Amino acid sequence: MKRIAIYLRVSTTEQTVENQQRELEMAAERHGWQVVVTLADEGISGSKRRDKRPAFDRLCKGIARREFDLVAAWSVDRLGRSLQDLVGFLGELHGKGIDLYLHQQGIDTTTPAGKAMFQMMGVFAEFERAMIVERVKSGLARARMAGKRLGRPTISRRKEEAVRRLLIGGTGIVKAAKTVGVGVSVAQRIKAELTALAPLGSGLAVQSTARRQGQRPVTQSADALLNASPMKDRARSSRVRARRAGPTS
């Protein structure tokens, strides 16, 4: 009686391997095979390499140790979508004298015709993936032409200015992002822009030096920062300078 390993895989967590498992177990019973292990990769794409597919990695290690005589899978694309990886996998099976059974294609690699068919199915699996990628790229290009914005949403200029004011005031990146309610990556980007633009001896450089020396930065609430206006700040500074200069004759 041949010892077989059943390998199952689905690409998303919404899918299930139960249908594959039931059909393969019924096939094993019809052929008189003994199922010694069932391995499943759930929610993992077939384009991932072996180190990203734990169950497939265990299968390959079992092949190396010759723990079974035959590997059974639902279809060739369950094993992988790269022709190079599929041919390499078939080479490992052949080197250890282990056969392969593919239920959907009805392929049995104990025959030369079965081996040739397996390689041909690998070519079609790779072609199918390439077509999917091409369709996705075409859809994205069509969306751009239609004026649709892709990627993450942008933040408002008010929030960006609030983060900038906090950073200039010496507040850390994480605290500034949390105070205004934006992502840390946004604060990091604004910090990098300020650092690139700030000359030596500027307010940002002085605040950074003070922070390194352990002085506590002055922070404001998110509402105050969002309601602040650069024009109001400049007008307020002008009034302060006028009071300090005193009355003019």
Protein backbone atom coordinates (compact mmCIF):
# COMPACT_ATOMS: atom_id res chain seq x y z
CA MET A 1 0.00 0.00 0.00
CA LYS A 2 1.39 3.38 -1.04
CA ARG A 3 1.85 6.02 1.66
CA ILE A 4 0.65 9.39 0.41
CA ALA A 5 0.82 13.00 1.57
CA ILE A 6 -2.11 15.27 0.72
CA TYR A 7 -1.26 18.92 0.07
CA LEU A 8 -4.02 21.56 0.15
CA ARG A 9 -3.90 25.31 -0.52
CA VAL A 10 -6.27 28.26 -0.89
CA SER A 11 -5.24 31.83 -1.69
CA THR A 12 -7.58 33.71 0.66
CA THR A 13 -8.88 33.19 4.18
CA GLU A 14 -12.47 33.32 2.87
CA GLN A 15 -11.89 30.10 0.92
CA THR A 16 -11.80 26.60 2.43
CA VAL A 17 -9.68 23.52 1.81
CA GLU A 18 -12.45 21.11 2.86
CA ASN A 19 -13.63 20.39 -0.70
CA GLN A 20 -10.10 19.60 -1.85
CA GLN A 21 -9.48 17.38 1.16
CA ARG A 22 -12.71 15.41 0.72
CA GLU A 23 -12.08 14.67 -2.98
CA LEU A 24 -8.47 13.65 -2.44
CA GLU A 25 -9.32 11.38 0.48
CA MET A 26 -11.99 9.68 -1.67
CA ALA A 27 -9.42 9.23 -4.48
CA ALA A 28 -6.96 7.72 -2.01
CA GLU A 29 -9.61 5.26 -0.84
CA ARG A 30 -10.41 4.22 -4.44
CA HIS A 31 -6.73 3.64 -5.25
CA GLY A 32 -6.01 1.84 -2.00
CA TRP A 33 -3.53 4.47 -0.77
CA GLN A 34 -2.78 5.18 2.88
CA VAL A 35 -2.92 8.87 3.85
CA VAL A 36 -0.07 9.46 6.31
CA VAL A 37 -0.19 13.27 6.49
CA THR A 38 -2.39 16.15 5.33
CA LEU A 39 -0.76 19.55 4.95
CA ALA A 40 -2.63 22.81 4.23
CA ASP A 41 -1.58 26.39 3.44
CA GLU A 42 -4.64 28.60 3.96
CA GLY A 43 -4.73 32.21 2.75
CA ILE A 44 -1.35 31.98 0.99
CA SER A 45 -0.79 32.75 -2.69
CA GLY A 46 0.76 30.12 -4.92
CA SER A 47 3.27 32.70 -6.16
CA LYS A 48 4.92 32.74 -2.72
CA ARG A 49 8.17 30.88 -2.39
CA ARG A 50 8.70 27.86 -0.18
CA ASP A 51 9.85 29.84 2.89
CA LYS A 52 6.53 31.76 2.86
CA ARG A 53 4.40 28.59 2.71
CA PRO A 54 4.84 26.59 5.96
CA ALA A 55 2.86 23.51 4.90
CA PHE A 56 4.59 23.34 1.51
CA ASP A 57 7.95 23.64 3.29
CA ARG A 58 7.02 20.69 5.53
CA LEU A 59 5.98 18.76 2.42
CA CYS A 60 9.38 19.35 0.79
CA LYS A 61 11.17 18.25 3.96
CA GLY A 62 9.06 15.08 4.01
CA ILE A 63 10.05 14.44 0.40
CA ALA A 64 13.72 14.82 1.31
CA ARG A 65 13.28 12.28 4.13
CA ARG A 66 11.11 10.04 1.89
CA GLU A 67 8.36 9.86 4.49
CA PHE A 68 5.79 8.95 1.81
CA ASP A 69 5.62 7.39 -1.65
CA LEU A 70 3.26 9.81 -3.41
CA VAL A 71 2.12 13.45 -3.15
CA ALA A 72 -1.52 14.17 -3.96
CA ALA A 73 -2.84 17.67 -4.73
CA TRP A 74 -6.11 19.03 -6.09
CA SER A 75 -4.55 20.83 -9.05
CA VAL A 76 -1.19 21.94 -10.42
CA ASP A 77 -1.83 25.56 -9.41
CA ARG A 78 -2.21 24.42 -5.78
CA LEU A 79 1.48 23.51 -5.82
CA GLY A 80 2.59 26.82 -7.35
CA ARG A 81 2.27 29.27 -10.22
CA SER A 82 5.91 29.56 -11.22
CA LEU A 83 7.14 27.16 -13.90
CA GLN A 84 10.64 27.24 -12.45
CA ASP A 85 9.40 26.27 -8.98
CA LEU A 86 7.11 23.55 -10.36
CA VAL A 87 9.88 21.96 -12.43
CA GLY A 88 12.21 22.13 -9.42
CA PHE A 89 9.55 20.46 -7.27
CA LEU A 90 9.08 17.71 -9.85
CA GLY A 91 12.86 17.22 -9.88
CA GLU A 92 12.85 16.71 -6.10
CA LEU A 93 10.07 14.15 -6.40
CA HIS A 94 11.88 12.31 -9.20
CA GLY A 95 15.18 12.33 -7.31
CA LYS A 96 13.57 10.63 -4.32
CA GLY A 97 11.45 8.26 -6.40
CA ILE A 98 8.19 9.82 -5.20
CA ASP A 99 5.17 10.03 -7.51
CA LEU A 100 2.67 12.87 -7.97
CA TYR A 101 -1.10 12.73 -8.37
CA LEU A 102 -3.09 15.77 -9.55
CA HIS A 103 -6.81 15.21 -9.20
CA GLN A 104 -8.21 17.87 -11.54
CA GLN A 105 -5.83 17.15 -14.40
CA GLY A 106 -5.82 13.38 -13.85
CA ILE A 107 -2.02 13.37 -13.97
CA ASP A 108 0.06 10.50 -12.61
CA THR A 109 3.80 11.01 -12.95
CA THR A 110 4.56 7.31 -12.87
CA THR A 111 4.30 7.53 -16.67
CA PRO A 112 6.36 9.68 -19.12
CA ALA A 113 3.14 11.18 -20.46
CA GLY A 114 2.19 12.23 -16.94
CA LYS A 115 5.53 14.00 -16.42
CA ALA A 116 5.22 15.85 -19.74
CA MET A 117 1.65 16.91 -18.97
CA PHE A 118 2.68 18.20 -15.55
CA GLN A 119 5.26 20.54 -17.11
CA MET A 120 2.73 21.76 -19.67
CA MET A 121 0.22 22.56 -16.93
CA GLY A 122 2.92 24.54 -15.15
CA VAL A 123 3.35 26.68 -18.27
CA PHE A 124 -0.37 27.43 -18.38
CA ALA A 125 -0.49 28.24 -14.64
CA GLU A 126 2.31 30.80 -15.07
CA PHE A 127 0.57 32.26 -18.13
CA GLU A 128 -2.69 32.59 -16.18
CA ARG A 129 -0.96 34.53 -13.38
CA ALA A 130 0.69 36.85 -15.92
CA MET A 131 -2.71 37.57 -17.46
CA ILE A 132 -4.18 38.39 -14.03
CA VAL A 133 -1.34 40.84 -13.32
CA GLU A 134 -1.84 42.47 -16.72
CA ARG A 135 -5.58 42.88 -16.11
CA VAL A 136 -4.94 44.50 -12.72
CA LYS A 137 -2.46 46.97 -14.26
CA SER A 138 -4.92 47.82 -17.03
CA GLY A 139 -7.65 48.45 -14.45
CA LEU A 140 -5.41 50.79 -12.46
CA ALA A 141 -4.46 52.71 -15.61
CA ARG A 142 -8.12 53.06 -16.57
CA ALA A 143 -8.95 54.36 -13.08
CA ARG A 144 -6.20 56.99 -13.32
CA MET A 145 -7.45 58.13 -16.72
CA ALA A 146 -10.94 58.49 -15.22
CA GLY A 147 -9.52 60.83 -12.59
CA LYS A 148 -9.85 58.45 -9.64
CA ARG A 149 -7.33 58.92 -6.85
CA LEU A 150 -5.43 55.74 -5.94
CA GLY A 151 -3.52 54.94 -2.79
CA ARG A 152 -3.87 56.37 0.69
CA PRO A 153 -6.01 59.48 1.25
CA THR A 154 -4.10 62.73 1.74
CA ILE A 155 -4.41 64.77 4.94
CA SER A 156 -5.70 68.35 5.04
CA ARG A 157 -3.30 71.30 4.92
CA ARG A 158 -4.53 72.40 8.37
CA LYS A 159 -3.44 69.13 9.92
CA GLU A 160 -0.15 69.21 8.07
CA GLU A 161 0.51 72.75 9.32
CA ALA A 162 -0.40 71.68 12.88
CA VAL A 163 2.13 68.85 12.77
CA ARG A 164 4.74 71.23 11.36
CA ARG A 165 4.18 73.71 14.21
CA LEU A 166 4.52 70.97 16.82
CA LEU A 167 7.73 69.66 15.31
CA ILE A 168 9.21 73.13 15.09
CA GLY A 169 8.26 73.57 18.74
CA GLY A 170 10.35 70.54 19.66
CA THR A 171 7.64 67.88 20.03
CA GLY A 172 8.64 64.34 19.08
CA ILE A 173 7.41 62.70 15.90
CA VAL A 174 5.17 60.11 17.59
CA LYS A 175 3.64 62.63 20.02
CA ALA A 176 3.04 65.18 17.26
CA ALA A 177 1.26 62.57 15.13
CA LYS A 178 -0.87 61.41 18.05
CA THR A 179 -1.79 64.97 19.10
CA VAL A 180 -3.05 65.98 15.66
CA GLY A 181 -4.50 62.57 14.80
CA VAL A 182 -2.39 61.56 11.80
CA GLY A 183 -0.12 58.64 11.04
CA VAL A 184 3.46 58.54 12.27
CA SER A 185 4.69 58.26 8.67
CA VAL A 186 3.06 61.65 7.92
CA ALA A 187 4.93 63.26 10.83
CA GLN A 188 8.15 61.59 9.70
CA ARG A 189 7.75 63.00 6.20
CA ILE A 190 7.10 66.52 7.49
CA LYS A 191 10.07 66.24 9.89
CA ALA A 192 12.33 65.22 6.99
CA GLU A 193 11.11 68.19 4.93
CA LEU A 194 11.76 70.60 7.82
CA THR A 195 15.21 69.17 8.47
CA ALA A 196 16.15 69.51 4.80
CA LEU A 197 14.91 73.12 4.62
CA ALA A 198 16.01 74.41 8.06
CA PRO A 199 19.39 76.22 7.97
CA LEU A 200 21.85 75.92 10.86
CA GLY A 201 20.84 78.19 13.74
CA SER A 202 17.18 78.29 12.72
CA GLY A 203 14.31 77.81 15.15
CA LEU A 204 14.02 74.11 14.30
CA ALA A 205 17.74 73.56 14.89
CA VAL A 206 17.61 75.43 18.22
CA GLN A 207 14.57 73.42 19.38
CA SER A 208 16.28 70.17 18.40
CA THR A 209 19.36 71.15 20.39
CA ALA A 210 17.22 72.04 23.41
CA ARG A 211 15.47 68.70 23.19
CA ARG A 212 18.78 66.84 23.15
CA GLN A 213 19.85 68.78 26.25
CA GLY A 214 16.77 67.55 28.10
CA GLN A 215 14.67 70.72 27.98
CA ARG A 216 10.93 70.12 27.77
CA PRO A 217 9.28 71.27 24.51
CA VAL A 218 6.21 73.46 24.60
CA THR A 219 3.13 71.69 23.18
CA GLN A 220 -0.37 72.86 22.36
CA SER A 221 -3.71 71.11 22.05
CA ALA A 222 -4.85 69.78 18.69
CA ASP A 223 -7.73 72.29 18.53
CA ALA A 224 -5.42 75.21 19.15
CA LEU A 225 -3.01 74.02 16.50
CA LEU A 226 -5.70 73.40 13.89
CA ASN A 227 -7.29 76.83 14.53
CA ALA A 228 -3.96 78.62 14.44
CA SER A 229 -3.21 80.79 11.42
CA PRO A 230 0.29 81.75 10.20
CA MET A 231 -1.04 85.22 9.26
CA LYS A 232 -2.33 85.76 12.80
CA ASP A 233 1.02 84.66 14.21
CA ARG A 234 2.91 87.16 12.04
CA ALA A 235 0.51 89.95 12.99
CA ARG A 236 0.87 89.12 16.68
CA SER A 237 4.68 89.16 16.36
CA SER A 238 4.54 92.57 14.67
CA ARG A 239 2.46 94.01 17.55
CA VAL A 240 4.89 92.64 20.13
CA ARG A 241 7.85 94.21 18.33
CA ALA A 242 6.01 97.53 18.11
CA ARG A 243 5.31 97.55 21.87
CA ARG A 244 8.92 96.77 22.65
CA ALA A 245 10.16 99.58 20.39
CA GLY A 246 7.98 102.13 22.29
CA PRO A 247 6.27 105.24 20.92
CA THR A 248 7.88 106.98 18.04
CA SER A 249 8.26 110.79 17.97
